[in-house]
C-alpha atoms as a PDB file:
ATOM      1  CA  MET A   1      10.861  21.746  13.723  1.00  0.00           C
ATOM      2  CA  GLN A   2      14.525  21.415  12.579  1.00  0.00           C
ATOM      3  CA  VAL A   3      16.166  20.847   9.587  1.00  0.00           C
ATOM      4  CA  LEU A   4      19.192  18.412   9.631  1.00  0.00           C
ATOM      5  CA  GLN A   5      21.467  17.930   6.583  1.00  0.00           C
ATOM      6  CA  ALA A   6      23.622  14.797   6.554  1.00  0.00           C
ATOM      7  CA  GLY A   7      25.820  15.004   3.186  1.00  0.00           C
ATOM      8  CA  GLN A   8      23.537  15.107   0.324  1.00  0.00           C
ATOM      9  CA  HIS A   9      20.124  14.170   2.282  1.00  0.00           C
ATOM     10  CA  LYS A  10      18.140  16.791   4.184  1.00  0.00           C
ATOM     11  CA  LEU A  11      15.372  15.706   6.847  1.00  0.00           C
ATOM     12  CA  ILE A  12      12.786  17.451   8.945  1.00  0.00           C
ATOM     13  CA  LEU A  13      12.974  16.773  12.548  1.00  0.00           C
ATOM     14  CA  LEU A  14       9.713  17.113  14.358  1.00  0.00           C
ATOM     15  CA  GLU A  15       9.843  18.127  17.880  1.00  0.00           C
ATOM     16  CA  LEU A  16       6.269  16.541  19.053  1.00  0.00           C
ATOM     17  CA  ASP A  17       5.120  17.528  22.577  1.00  0.00           C
ATOM     18  CA  LEU A  18       4.438  14.257  24.353  1.00  0.00           C
ATOM     19  CA  ASP A  19       1.668  16.272  26.704  1.00  0.00           C
ATOM     20  CA  LEU A  20      -0.282  17.565  23.581  1.00  0.00           C
ATOM     21  CA  VAL A  21      -0.165  14.147  21.966  1.00  0.00           C
ATOM     22  CA  ASN A  22      -1.821  12.669  25.133  1.00  0.00           C
ATOM     23  CA  SER A  23      -4.035  15.310  25.025  1.00  0.00           C
ATOM     24  CA  VAL A  24      -4.868  14.685  21.501  1.00  0.00           C
ATOM     25  CA  VAL A  25      -5.490  10.897  22.185  1.00  0.00           C
ATOM     26  CA  LYS A  26      -7.736  11.912  25.221  1.00  0.00           C
ATOM     27  CA  GLN A  27     -10.022  14.335  23.348  1.00  0.00           C
ATOM     28  CA  ALA A  28     -10.654  11.576  20.414  1.00  0.00           C
ATOM     29  CA  GLY A  29     -11.832   9.126  23.129  1.00  0.00           C
ATOM     30  CA  PHE A  30      -8.811   6.903  23.414  1.00  0.00           C
ATOM     31  CA  ASP A  31      -6.553   5.802  26.274  1.00  0.00           C
ATOM     32  CA  GLY A  32      -2.981   5.414  24.998  1.00  0.00           C
ATOM     33  CA  LYS A  33       0.506   4.412  26.197  1.00  0.00           C
ATOM     34  CA  LEU A  34       3.281   6.316  24.499  1.00  0.00           C
ATOM     35  CA  GLU A  35       6.749   4.916  23.802  1.00  0.00           C
ATOM     36  CA  ASP A  36       9.031   7.795  22.583  1.00  0.00           C
ATOM     37  CA  SER A  37      12.343   7.300  20.385  1.00  0.00           C
ATOM     38  CA  ALA A  38      14.623   9.345  18.554  1.00  0.00           C
ATOM     39  CA  ARG A  39      12.955   8.756  15.221  1.00  0.00           C
ATOM     40  CA  SER A  40       9.330   7.852  16.016  1.00  0.00           C
ATOM     41  CA  LEU A  41       6.491   8.191  18.795  1.00  0.00           C
ATOM     42  CA  GLN A  42       4.654   4.884  19.200  1.00  0.00           C
ATOM     43  CA  LEU A  43       1.131   4.902  20.826  1.00  0.00           C
ATOM     44  CA  ASP A  44      -0.571   1.777  21.976  1.00  0.00           C
ATOM     45  CA  LEU A  45      -4.193   3.111  21.616  1.00  0.00           C
ATOM     46  CA  THR A  46      -7.418   1.594  23.033  1.00  0.00           C
ATOM     47  CA  ALA A  47     -10.764   3.025  22.463  1.00  0.00           C
ATOM     48  CA  LEU A  48     -12.841   4.268  25.503  1.00  0.00           C
ATOM     49  CA  ASP A  49     -16.480   3.237  25.922  1.00  0.00           C
ATOM     50  CA  ARG A  50     -16.877   1.422  22.153  1.00  0.00           C
ATOM     51  CA  GLN A  51     -19.101  -1.245  21.721  1.00  0.00           C
ATOM     52  CA  GLY A  52     -18.227  -2.170  18.419  1.00  0.00           C
ATOM     53  CA  PRO A  53     -14.739  -2.546  16.587  1.00  0.00           C
ATOM     54  CA  LEU A  54     -12.654   0.412  15.278  1.00  0.00           C
ATOM     55  CA  LEU A  55     -13.754   1.202  11.748  1.00  0.00           C
ATOM     56  CA  LEU A  56     -10.564  -0.330  10.113  1.00  0.00           C
ATOM     57  CA  PHE A  57     -11.951  -1.803   7.000  1.00  0.00           C
ATOM     58  CA  ASP A  58     -10.971  -3.761   3.927  1.00  0.00           C
ATOM     59  CA  ALA A  59     -11.107  -1.493   0.744  1.00  0.00           C
ATOM     60  CA  ALA A  60     -11.437  -4.399  -1.583  1.00  0.00           C
ATOM     61  CA  ASP A  61     -14.467  -5.659  -0.131  1.00  0.00           C
ATOM     62  CA  PRO A  62     -17.812  -4.642  -2.100  1.00  0.00           C
ATOM     63  CA  ALA A  63     -19.561  -4.636   1.112  1.00  0.00           C
ATOM     64  CA  ASN A  64     -17.839  -1.619   2.268  1.00  0.00           C
ATOM     65  CA  LEU A  65     -18.263   0.751  -0.674  1.00  0.00           C
ATOM     66  CA  GLY A  66     -20.194   3.075   1.540  1.00  0.00           C
ATOM     67  CA  TRP A  67     -17.330   3.270   4.000  1.00  0.00           C
ATOM     68  CA  PHE A  68     -14.652   3.704   1.039  1.00  0.00           C
ATOM     69  CA  SER A  69     -16.436   6.388  -0.525  1.00  0.00           C
ATOM     70  CA  ARG A  70     -16.528   8.547   2.913  1.00  0.00           C
ATOM     71  CA  CYS A  71     -13.147   7.539   4.038  1.00  0.00           C
ATOM     72  CA  GLN A  72      -9.960  10.342   3.956  1.00  0.00           C
ATOM     73  CA  PHE A  73      -7.212   8.066   5.060  1.00  0.00           C
ATOM     74  CA  TYR A  74      -6.205   5.023   3.251  1.00  0.00           C
ATOM     75  CA  VAL A  75      -3.785   2.359   4.779  1.00  0.00           C
ATOM     76  CA  ASP A  76      -1.159   0.628   2.726  1.00  0.00           C
ATOM     77  CA  GLY A  77      -1.941  -3.110   4.171  1.00  0.00           C
ATOM     78  CA  ARG A  78       1.688  -4.341   3.115  1.00  0.00           C
ATOM     79  CA  ASN A  79       3.434  -1.912   5.450  1.00  0.00           C
ATOM     80  CA  GLY A  80       0.972  -0.046   7.679  1.00  0.00           C
ATOM     81  CA  ASN A  81       1.844   3.189   6.313  1.00  0.00           C
ATOM     82  CA  VAL A  82      -1.010   5.731   6.399  1.00  0.00           C
ATOM     83  CA  MET A  83      -0.757   7.272   2.712  1.00  0.00           C
ATOM     84  CA  GLN A  84       0.506  10.926   2.552  1.00  0.00           C
ATOM     85  CA  THR A  85       0.899  11.145   6.174  1.00  0.00           C
ATOM     86  CA  PRO A  86       3.907  10.328   8.722  1.00  0.00           C
ATOM     87  CA  LEU A  87       1.566   7.807  10.405  1.00  0.00           C
ATOM     88  CA  ALA A  88       1.657   3.953  10.405  1.00  0.00           C
ATOM     89  CA  VAL A  89      -0.673   1.566  12.044  1.00  0.00           C
ATOM     90  CA  ALA A  90      -0.557  -1.945  12.985  1.00  0.00           C
ATOM     91  CA  ASN A  91      -3.252  -4.288  14.734  1.00  0.00           C
ATOM     92  CA  ALA A  92      -2.844  -4.823  18.433  1.00  0.00           C
ATOM     93  CA  ARG A  93      -3.119  -8.227  19.808  1.00  0.00           C
ATOM     94  CA  ASP A  94      -5.330  -9.614  22.619  1.00  0.00           C
ATOM     95  CA  ARG A  95      -3.734 -12.011  25.202  1.00  0.00           C
ATOM     96  CA  GLY A  96      -5.008 -14.866  22.728  1.00  0.00           C
ATOM     97  CA  GLY A  97      -3.150 -13.780  19.706  1.00  0.00           C
ATOM     98  CA  LYS A  98      -6.230 -12.433  18.057  1.00  0.00           C
ATOM     99  CA  ASN A  99      -6.743  -8.561  16.761  1.00  0.00           C
ATOM    100  CA  ALA A 100      -8.009  -6.631  19.621  1.00  0.00           C
ATOM    101  CA  PRO A 101     -11.243  -5.005  17.925  1.00  0.00           C
ATOM    102  CA  ASN A 102     -10.823  -1.777  19.927  1.00  0.00           C
ATOM    103  CA  SER A 103      -7.016  -1.302  19.806  1.00  0.00           C
ATOM    104  CA  VAL A 104      -4.544  -0.324  17.326  1.00  0.00           C
ATOM    105  CA  ARG A 105      -0.728   0.653  17.265  1.00  0.00           C
ATOM    106  CA  VAL A 106       0.502   4.074  15.848  1.00  0.00           C
ATOM    107  CA  ARG A 107       3.502   5.040  14.892  1.00  0.00           C
ATOM    108  CA  ILE A 108       4.383   9.084  14.250  1.00  0.00           C
ATOM    109  CA  ALA A 109       7.728   9.420  12.368  1.00  0.00           C
ATOM    110  CA  LYS A 110       9.708  12.247  13.451  1.00  0.00           C
ATOM    111  CA  GLU A 111      12.117  12.155  10.895  1.00  0.00           C
ATOM    112  CA  LEU A 112      10.886  12.814   7.452  1.00  0.00           C
ATOM    113  CA  PRO A 113      12.545  13.705   3.884  1.00  0.00           C
ATOM    114  CA  ALA A 114      12.625  17.504   3.343  1.00  0.00           C
ATOM    115  CA  GLY A 115      10.512  17.348   0.489  1.00  0.00           C
ATOM    116  CA  PHE A 116       7.616  15.724   1.924  1.00  0.00           C
ATOM    117  CA  ARG A 117       4.509  17.047   1.752  1.00  0.00           C
ATOM    118  CA  MET A 118       0.948  16.632   3.154  1.00  0.00           C
ATOM    119  CA  PRO A 119      -1.932  16.272   0.734  1.00  0.00           C
ATOM    120  CA  GLY A 120      -2.712  19.431  -1.018  1.00  0.00           C
ATOM    121  CA  ARG A 121       1.297  19.945  -0.904  1.00  0.00           C
ATOM    122  CA  GLN A 122       0.852  21.012   2.723  1.00  0.00           C
ATOM    123  CA  PRO A 123       4.379  21.444   4.312  1.00  0.00           C
ATOM    124  CA  VAL A 124       4.826  19.688   7.252  1.00  0.00           C
ATOM    125  CA  THR A 125       5.093  21.196  10.823  1.00  0.00           C
ATOM    126  CA  GLU A 126       4.075  19.952  14.453  1.00  0.00           C
ATOM    127  CA  GLN A 127       0.836  21.830  14.472  1.00  0.00           C
ATOM    128  CA  VAL A 128      -0.091  19.943  11.173  1.00  0.00           C
ATOM    129  CA  VAL A 129       0.670  16.541  12.696  1.00  0.00           C
ATOM    130  CA  TYR A 130      -1.173  17.157  15.790  1.00  0.00           C
ATOM    131  CA  ALA A 131      -4.599  18.075  13.672  1.00  0.00           C
ATOM    132  CA  LEU A 132      -3.984  15.096  11.134  1.00  0.00           C
ATOM    133  CA  PHE A 133      -3.532  12.729  14.155  1.00  0.00           C
ATOM    134  CA  PHE A 134      -6.605  14.095  15.699  1.00  0.00           C
ATOM    135  CA  ASN A 135      -8.552  13.674  12.440  1.00  0.00           C
ATOM    136  CA  PHE A 136      -7.047  10.063  11.882  1.00  0.00           C
ATOM    137  CA  LEU A 137      -8.157   9.047  15.453  1.00  0.00           C
ATOM    138  CA  ASN A 138     -11.725  10.499  14.799  1.00  0.00           C
ATOM    139  CA  ALA A 139     -11.870   8.460  11.313  1.00  0.00           C
ATOM    140  CA  LEU A 140     -11.011   5.443  13.232  1.00  0.00           C
ATOM    141  CA  THR A 141     -14.183   5.545  15.037  1.00  0.00           C
ATOM    142  CA  LYS A 142     -16.570   7.556  12.999  1.00  0.00           C
ATOM    143  CA  THR A 143     -16.080   7.683   9.372  1.00  0.00           C
ATOM    144  CA  GLY A 144     -13.715   4.561   8.635  1.00  0.00           C
ATOM    145  CA  VAL A 145     -10.299   4.023   7.683  1.00  0.00           C
ATOM    146  CA  ALA A 146      -9.622   2.034   4.321  1.00  0.00           C
ATOM    147  CA  VAL A 147      -6.940  -0.941   4.505  1.00  0.00           C
ATOM    148  CA  CYS A 148      -5.535  -1.313   0.882  1.00  0.00           C
ATOM    149  CA  GLY A 149      -4.118  -4.706  -0.169  1.00  0.00           C
ATOM    150  CA  GLY A 150      -1.804  -6.929   1.646  1.00  0.00           C
ATOM    151  CA  THR A 151      -1.879  -9.019   4.773  1.00  0.00           C
ATOM    152  CA  VAL A 152       0.299  -7.021   7.261  1.00  0.00           C
ATOM    153  CA  VAL A 153      -2.400  -4.880   8.614  1.00  0.00           C
ATOM    154  CA  GLN A 154      -6.127  -6.839   9.163  1.00  0.00           C
ATOM    155  CA  PRO A 155      -9.311  -4.891   8.764  1.00  0.00           C
ATOM    156  CA  LEU A 156     -11.336  -5.044  12.020  1.00  0.00           C
ATOM    157  CA  ALA A 157     -14.654  -3.883  10.945  1.00  0.00           C
ATOM    158  CA  GLY A 158     -17.197  -4.847   8.122  1.00  0.00           C
ATOM    159  CA  ARG A 159     -16.343  -8.357   6.378  1.00  0.00           C
ATOM    160  CA  THR A 160     -13.331  -9.451   7.897  1.00  0.00           C
ATOM    161  CA  GLU A 161     -13.156 -13.138   7.068  1.00  0.00           C
ATOM    162  CA  GLY A 162     -11.969 -14.219   3.672  1.00  0.00           C
ATOM    163  CA  ILE A 163     -14.554 -15.616   1.391  1.00  0.00           C
ATOM    164  CA  GLY A 164     -13.227 -17.835  -1.493  1.00  0.00           C
ATOM    165  CA  PRO A 165     -10.068 -17.498  -3.244  1.00  0.00           C
ATOM    166  CA  ARG A 166      -8.629 -14.107  -4.198  1.00  0.00           C
ATOM    167  CA  ASN A 167      -7.927 -13.473  -7.704  1.00  0.00           C
END
């Protein structure tokens, strides 16, 4: 981890180990393709040996209340950011252009504001990001991740079709 100062702006630069990220992906039961850039790490992930869709669900649907009460990650449906983390999520598409039920794209930001804190005011380090990423992947397969509002990120589990007009 490095701290970069450009004028009045300070940034935390994470130095993520690609082999360790690949190890986390494999331990969580995913197969992934990694793309490394200067500002982020993008992963195309597919759940191996999974019968149903990943547990990415619509938080606004009352039918998903049981999942909502258990989840620990919330995705802003307007931009894909996983709230209070350096992660962002997007739907992966199949060849027909539909959402792939067992695949997602995850981006890990390497540049963060110096004042960025994880839940519980925990400072950001590479080890914290690895643990958070592992917990997020487990949540996608076991406990659920809530999509809150917006139409950019589409839910994969639960009731995914719209019913009637939205107020």
